[in-house]
């Protein structure tokens, strides 16, 4: 039982050392992730459509 208590004390001490991002940093990082996801999904959708058209052309 003492090992578990020691573990949680250590976790608590480590969490005090963490530098947490502020609201502006979180919003900026979230915006970057959303924009990157939209760009990559649009690119993959375009490639998928082009390859589907090529496959339809080859199979005809």
PDB file of N, CA and C in Angstrom:
ATOM      1  N   UNK A   1       0.826  -1.197   0.000  1.00  0.00           N
ATOM      2  CA  UNK A   1       0.000   0.000   0.000  1.00  0.00           C
ATOM      3  C   UNK A   1       0.868   1.257   0.000  1.00  0.00           C
ATOM      4  N   UNK A   2       2.005   1.194   0.663  1.00  0.00           N
ATOM      5  CA  UNK A   2       2.865   2.373   0.715  1.00  0.00           C
ATOM      6  C   UNK A   2       3.453   2.703  -0.650  1.00  0.00           C
ATOM      7  N   UNK A   3       3.659   1.678  -1.475  1.00  0.00           N
ATOM      8  CA  UNK A   3       4.176   1.925  -2.829  1.00  0.00           C
ATOM      9  C   UNK A   3       3.165   2.699  -3.669  1.00  0.00           C
ATOM     10  N   UNK A   4       1.901   2.403  -3.504  1.00  0.00           N
ATOM     11  CA  UNK A   4       0.855   3.106  -4.240  1.00  0.00           C
ATOM     12  C   UNK A   4       0.788   4.566  -3.793  1.00  0.00           C
ATOM     13  N   UNK A   5       0.852   4.789  -2.494  1.00  0.00           N
ATOM     14  CA  UNK A   5       0.823   6.159  -1.973  1.00  0.00           C
ATOM     15  C   UNK A   5       2.035   6.933  -2.469  1.00  0.00           C
ATOM     16  N   UNK A   6       3.204   6.296  -2.443  1.00  0.00           N
ATOM     17  CA  UNK A   6       4.420   6.947  -2.947  1.00  0.00           C
ATOM     18  C   UNK A   6       4.290   7.280  -4.428  1.00  0.00           C
ATOM     19  N   UNK A   7       3.713   6.359  -5.184  1.00  0.00           N
ATOM     20  CA  UNK A   7       3.518   6.597  -6.610  1.00  0.00           C
ATOM     21  C   UNK A   7       2.664   7.844  -6.839  1.00  0.00           C
ATOM     22  N   UNK A   8       1.546   7.940  -6.150  1.00  0.00           N
ATOM     23  CA  UNK A   8       0.655   9.086  -6.345  1.00  0.00           C
ATOM     24  C   UNK A   8       1.270  10.392  -5.842  1.00  0.00           C
ATOM     25  N   UNK A   9       2.077  10.337  -4.820  1.00  0.00           N
ATOM     26  CA  UNK A   9       2.796  11.535  -4.376  1.00  0.00           C
ATOM     27  C   UNK A   9       3.776  11.996  -5.447  1.00  0.00           C
ATOM     28  N   UNK A  10       4.488  11.033  -6.039  1.00  0.00           N
ATOM     29  CA  UNK A  10       5.428  11.369  -7.110  1.00  0.00           C
ATOM     30  C   UNK A  10       4.708  11.953  -8.326  1.00  0.00           C
ATOM     31  N   UNK A  11       3.566  11.371  -8.653  1.00  0.00           N
ATOM     32  CA  UNK A  11       2.772  11.896  -9.771  1.00  0.00           C
ATOM     33  C   UNK A  11       2.350  13.324  -9.482  1.00  0.00           C
ATOM     34  N   UNK A  12       1.907  13.570  -8.287  1.00  0.00           N
ATOM     35  CA  UNK A  12       1.478  14.915  -7.887  1.00  0.00           C
ATOM     36  C   UNK A  12       2.634  15.912  -7.993  1.00  0.00           C
ATOM     37  N   UNK A  13       3.809  15.518  -7.547  1.00  0.00           N
ATOM     38  CA  UNK A  13       4.976  16.398  -7.642  1.00  0.00           C
ATOM     39  C   UNK A  13       5.361  16.676  -9.091  1.00  0.00           C
ATOM     40  N   UNK A  14       5.292  15.651  -9.935  1.00  0.00           N
ATOM     41  CA  UNK A  14       5.627  15.844 -11.352  1.00  0.00           C
ATOM     42  C   UNK A  14       4.626  16.769 -12.039  1.00  0.00           C
ATOM     43  N   UNK A  15       3.358  16.629 -11.691  1.00  0.00           N
ATOM     44  CA  UNK A  15       2.337  17.477 -12.305  1.00  0.00           C
ATOM     45  C   UNK A  15       2.491  18.935 -11.890  1.00  0.00           C
ATOM     46  N   UNK A  16       3.076  19.195 -10.734  1.00  0.00           N
ATOM     47  CA  UNK A  16       3.339  20.569 -10.330  1.00  0.00           C
ATOM     48  C   UNK A  16       4.411  21.209 -11.203  1.00  0.00           C
ATOM     49  N   UNK A  17       5.303  20.382 -11.766  1.00  0.00           N
ATOM     50  CA  UNK A  17       6.401  20.890 -12.599  1.00  0.00           C
ATOM     51  C   UNK A  17       5.992  21.151 -14.046  1.00  0.00           C
ATOM     52  N   UNK A  18       4.860  20.633 -14.440  1.00  0.00           N
ATOM     53  CA  UNK A  18       4.414  20.764 -15.832  1.00  0.00           C
ATOM     54  C   UNK A  18       4.075  22.214 -16.138  1.00  0.00           C
ATOM     55  N   UNK A  19       4.524  22.669 -17.303  1.00  0.00           N
ATOM     56  CA  UNK A  19       4.144  23.998 -17.780  1.00  0.00           C
ATOM     57  C   UNK A  19       2.922  23.816 -18.682  1.00  0.00           C
ATOM     58  N   UNK A  20       1.775  24.189 -18.180  1.00  0.00           N
ATOM     59  CA  UNK A  20       0.541  23.989 -18.920  1.00  0.00           C
ATOM     60  C   UNK A  20       0.350  25.128 -19.919  1.00  0.00           C
ATOM     61  N   UNK A  21      -0.175  24.834 -21.116  1.00  0.00           N
ATOM     62  CA  UNK A  21      -0.405  25.897 -22.100  1.00  0.00           C
ATOM     63  C   UNK A  21      -1.547  26.807 -21.656  1.00  0.00           C
ATOM     64  N   UNK A  22      -1.459  28.065 -22.098  1.00  0.00           N
ATOM     65  CA  UNK A  22      -2.549  28.979 -21.764  1.00  0.00           C
ATOM     66  C   UNK A  22      -3.640  28.890 -22.835  1.00  0.00           C
ATOM     67  N   UNK A  23      -4.692  29.644 -22.655  1.00  0.00           N
ATOM     68  CA  UNK A  23      -5.854  29.549 -23.545  1.00  0.00           C
ATOM     69  C   UNK A  23      -5.493  29.890 -24.987  1.00  0.00           C
ATOM     70  N   UNK A  24      -4.683  30.933 -25.191  1.00  0.00           N
ATOM     71  CA  UNK A  24      -4.311  31.329 -26.551  1.00  0.00           C
ATOM     72  C   UNK A  24      -3.486  30.241 -27.251  1.00  0.00           C
ATOM     73  N   UNK A  25      -2.599  29.597 -26.520  1.00  0.00           N
ATOM     74  CA  UNK A  25      -1.795  28.527 -27.106  1.00  0.00           C
ATOM     75  C   UNK A  25      -2.665  27.335 -27.496  1.00  0.00           C
ATOM     76  N   UNK A  26      -3.630  27.025 -26.672  1.00  0.00           N
ATOM     77  CA  UNK A  26      -4.530  25.904 -26.968  1.00  0.00           C
ATOM     78  C   UNK A  26      -5.362  26.211 -28.207  1.00  0.00           C
ATOM     79  N   UNK A  27      -5.872  27.428 -28.301  1.00  0.00           N
ATOM     80  CA  UNK A  27      -6.685  27.809 -29.460  1.00  0.00           C
ATOM     81  C   UNK A  27      -5.838  27.778 -30.728  1.00  0.00           C
ATOM     82  N   UNK A  28      -4.612  28.278 -30.670  1.00  0.00           N
ATOM     83  CA  UNK A  28      -3.729  28.273 -31.833  1.00  0.00           C
ATOM     84  C   UNK A  28      -3.407  26.851 -32.279  1.00  0.00           C
ATOM     85  N   UNK A  29      -3.058  26.002 -31.332  1.00  0.00           N
ATOM     86  CA  UNK A  29      -2.717  24.623 -31.672  1.00  0.00           C
ATOM     87  C   UNK A  29      -3.926  23.880 -32.242  1.00  0.00           C
ATOM     88  N   UNK A  30      -5.102  24.130 -31.690  1.00  0.00           N
ATOM     89  CA  UNK A  30      -6.315  23.493 -32.193  1.00  0.00           C
ATOM     90  C   UNK A  30      -6.621  23.948 -33.614  1.00  0.00           C
ATOM     91  N   UNK A  31      -6.447  25.227 -33.879  1.00  0.00           N
ATOM     92  CA  UNK A  31      -6.687  25.747 -35.225  1.00  0.00           C
ATOM     93  C   UNK A  31      -5.720  25.121 -36.227  1.00  0.00           C
ATOM     94  N   UNK A  32      -4.466  24.978 -35.849  1.00  0.00           N
ATOM     95  CA  UNK A  32      -3.479  24.352 -36.743  1.00  0.00           C
ATOM     96  C   UNK A  32      -3.873  22.916 -37.042  1.00  0.00           C
ATOM     97  N   UNK A  33      -4.292  22.184 -36.036  1.00  0.00           N
ATOM     98  CA  UNK A  33      -4.687  20.784 -36.231  1.00  0.00           C
ATOM     99  C   UNK A  33      -5.912  20.687 -37.142  1.00  0.00           C
ATOM    100  N   UNK A  34      -6.896  21.546 -36.930  1.00  0.00           N
ATOM    101  CA  UNK A  34      -8.111  21.501 -37.757  1.00  0.00           C
ATOM    102  C   UNK A  34      -7.789  21.852 -39.200  1.00  0.00           C
ATOM    103  N   UNK A  35      -6.991  22.884 -39.421  1.00  0.00           N
ATOM    104  CA  UNK A  35      -6.632  23.288 -40.783  1.00  0.00           C
ATOM    105  C   UNK A  35      -5.820  22.197 -41.468  1.00  0.00           C
ATOM    106  N   UNK A  36      -4.852  21.626 -40.773  1.00  0.00           N
ATOM    107  CA  UNK A  36      -4.044  20.552 -41.357  1.00  0.00           C
ATOM    108  C   UNK A  36      -4.910  19.350 -41.701  1.00  0.00           C
ATOM    109  N   UNK A  37      -5.852  19.018 -40.832  1.00  0.00           N
ATOM    110  CA  UNK A  37      -6.751  17.890 -41.088  1.00  0.00           C
ATOM    111  C   UNK A  37      -7.614  18.146 -42.317  1.00  0.00           C
ATOM    112  N   UNK A  38      -8.124  19.359 -42.464  1.00  0.00           N
ATOM    113  CA  UNK A  38      -8.942  19.686 -43.631  1.00  0.00           C
ATOM    114  C   UNK A  38      -8.121  19.623 -44.923  1.00  0.00           C
ATOM    115  N   UNK A  39      -6.903  20.143 -44.893  1.00  0.00           N
ATOM    116  CA  UNK A  39      -6.049  20.122 -46.080  1.00  0.00           C
ATOM    117  C   UNK A  39      -5.705  18.690 -46.477  1.00  0.00           C
ATOM    118  N   UNK A  40      -5.311  17.881 -45.510  1.00  0.00           N
ATOM    119  CA  UNK A  40      -4.940  16.490 -45.811  1.00  0.00           C
ATOM    120  C   UNK A  40      -6.145  15.695 -46.288  1.00  0.00           C
ATOM    121  N   UNK A  41      -7.310  15.903 -45.676  1.00  0.00           N
ATOM    122  CA  UNK A  41      -8.495  15.162 -46.112  1.00  0.00           C
ATOM    123  C   UNK A  41      -8.922  15.587 -47.511  1.00  0.00           C
ATOM    124  N   UNK A  42      -8.801  16.872 -47.848  1.00  0.00           N
ATOM    125  CA  UNK A  42      -9.130  17.320 -49.202  1.00  0.00           C
ATOM    126  C   UNK A  42      -8.158  16.700 -50.209  1.00  0.00           C
ATOM    127  N   UNK A  43      -6.876  16.665 -49.873  1.00  0.00           N
ATOM    128  CA  UNK A  43      -5.870  16.064 -50.757  1.00  0.00           C
ATOM    129  C   UNK A  43      -6.152  14.582 -50.966  1.00  0.00           C
ATOM    130  N   UNK A  44      -6.419  13.854 -49.894  1.00  0.00           N
ATOM    131  CA  UNK A  44      -6.702  12.421 -50.023  1.00  0.00           C
ATOM    132  C   UNK A  44      -8.001  12.170 -50.780  1.00  0.00           C
ATOM    133  N   UNK A  45      -9.005  13.020 -50.579  1.00  0.00           N
ATOM    134  CA  UNK A  45     -10.251  12.884 -51.341  1.00  0.00           C
ATOM    135  C   UNK A  45     -10.023  13.108 -52.825  1.00  0.00           C
ATOM    136  N   UNK A  46      -9.209  14.098 -53.164  1.00  0.00           N
ATOM    137  CA  UNK A  46      -8.880  14.361 -54.561  1.00  0.00           C
ATOM    138  C   UNK A  46      -8.145  13.183 -55.189  1.00  0.00           C
ATOM    139  N   UNK A  47      -7.152  12.665 -54.496  1.00  0.00           N
ATOM    140  CA  UNK A  47      -6.404  11.514 -54.998  1.00  0.00           C
ATOM    141  C   UNK A  47      -7.326  10.308 -55.161  1.00  0.00           C
ATOM    142  N   UNK A  48      -8.223  10.093 -54.217  1.00  0.00           N
ATOM    143  CA  UNK A  48      -9.163   8.976 -54.289  1.00  0.00           C
ATOM    144  C   UNK A  48     -10.063   9.101 -55.524  1.00  0.00           C
ATOM    145  N   UNK A  49     -10.578  10.300 -55.771  1.00  0.00           N
ATOM    146  CA  UNK A  49     -11.434  10.502 -56.935  1.00  0.00           C
ATOM    147  C   UNK A  49     -10.672  10.317 -58.244  1.00  0.00           C
ATOM    148  N   UNK A  50      -9.455  10.820 -58.307  1.00  0.00           N
ATOM    149  CA  UNK A  50      -8.644  10.665 -59.527  1.00  0.00           C
ATOM    150  C   UNK A  50      -8.355   9.191 -59.782  1.00  0.00           C
ATOM    151  N   UNK A  51      -7.967   8.466 -58.744  1.00  0.00           N
ATOM    152  CA  UNK A  51      -7.684   7.039 -58.930  1.00  0.00           C
ATOM    153  C   UNK A  51      -8.950   6.260 -59.281  1.00  0.00           C
ATOM    154  N   UNK A  52     -10.104   6.645 -58.746  1.00  0.00           N
ATOM    155  CA  UNK A  52     -11.362   5.981 -59.105  1.00  0.00           C
ATOM    156  C   UNK A  52     -11.695   6.225 -60.569  1.00  0.00           C
ATOM    157  N   UNK A  53     -11.469   7.451 -61.056  1.00  0.00           N
ATOM    158  CA  UNK A  53     -11.715   7.740 -62.469  1.00  0.00           C
ATOM    159  C   UNK A  53     -10.771   6.953 -63.365  1.00  0.00           C
ATOM    160  N   UNK A  54      -9.516   6.855 -62.972  1.00  0.00           N
ATOM    161  CA  UNK A  54      -8.554   6.077 -63.767  1.00  0.00           C
ATOM    162  C   UNK A  54      -8.957   4.610 -63.792  1.00  0.00           C
ATOM    163  N   UNK A  55      -9.373   4.076 -62.661  1.00  0.00           N
ATOM    164  CA  UNK A  55      -9.795   2.678 -62.598  1.00  0.00           C
ATOM    165  C   UNK A  55     -11.031   2.434 -63.451  1.00  0.00           C
ATOM    166  N   UNK A  56     -11.995   3.353 -63.419  1.00  0.00           N
ATOM    167  CA  UNK A  56     -13.184   3.210 -64.273  1.00  0.00           C
ATOM    168  C   UNK A  56     -12.791   3.234 -65.740  1.00  0.00           C
ATOM    169  N   UNK A  57     -11.875   4.111 -66.103  1.00  0.00           N
ATOM    170  CA  UNK A  57     -11.428   4.202 -67.501  1.00  0.00           C
ATOM    171  C   UNK A  57     -10.737   2.905 -67.927  1.00  0.00           C
ATOM    172  N   UNK A  58      -9.915   2.339 -67.081  1.00  0.00           N
ATOM    173  CA  UNK A  58      -9.186   1.117 -67.409  1.00  0.00           C
ATOM    174  C   UNK A  58     -10.130  -0.062 -67.514  1.00  0.00           C
ATOM    175  N   UNK A  59     -11.143  -0.143 -66.687  1.00  0.00           N
ATOM    176  CA  UNK A  59     -12.049  -1.277 -66.687  1.00  0.00           C
ATOM    177  C   UNK A  59     -13.091  -1.232 -67.792  1.00  0.00           C
ATOM    178  N   UNK A  60     -13.266  -0.097 -68.466  1.00  0.00           N
ATOM    179  CA  UNK A  60     -14.241  -0.008 -69.551  1.00  0.00           C
ATOM    180  C   UNK A  60     -13.726  -0.611 -70.815  1.00  0.00           C
TER     181      UNK A  60
END
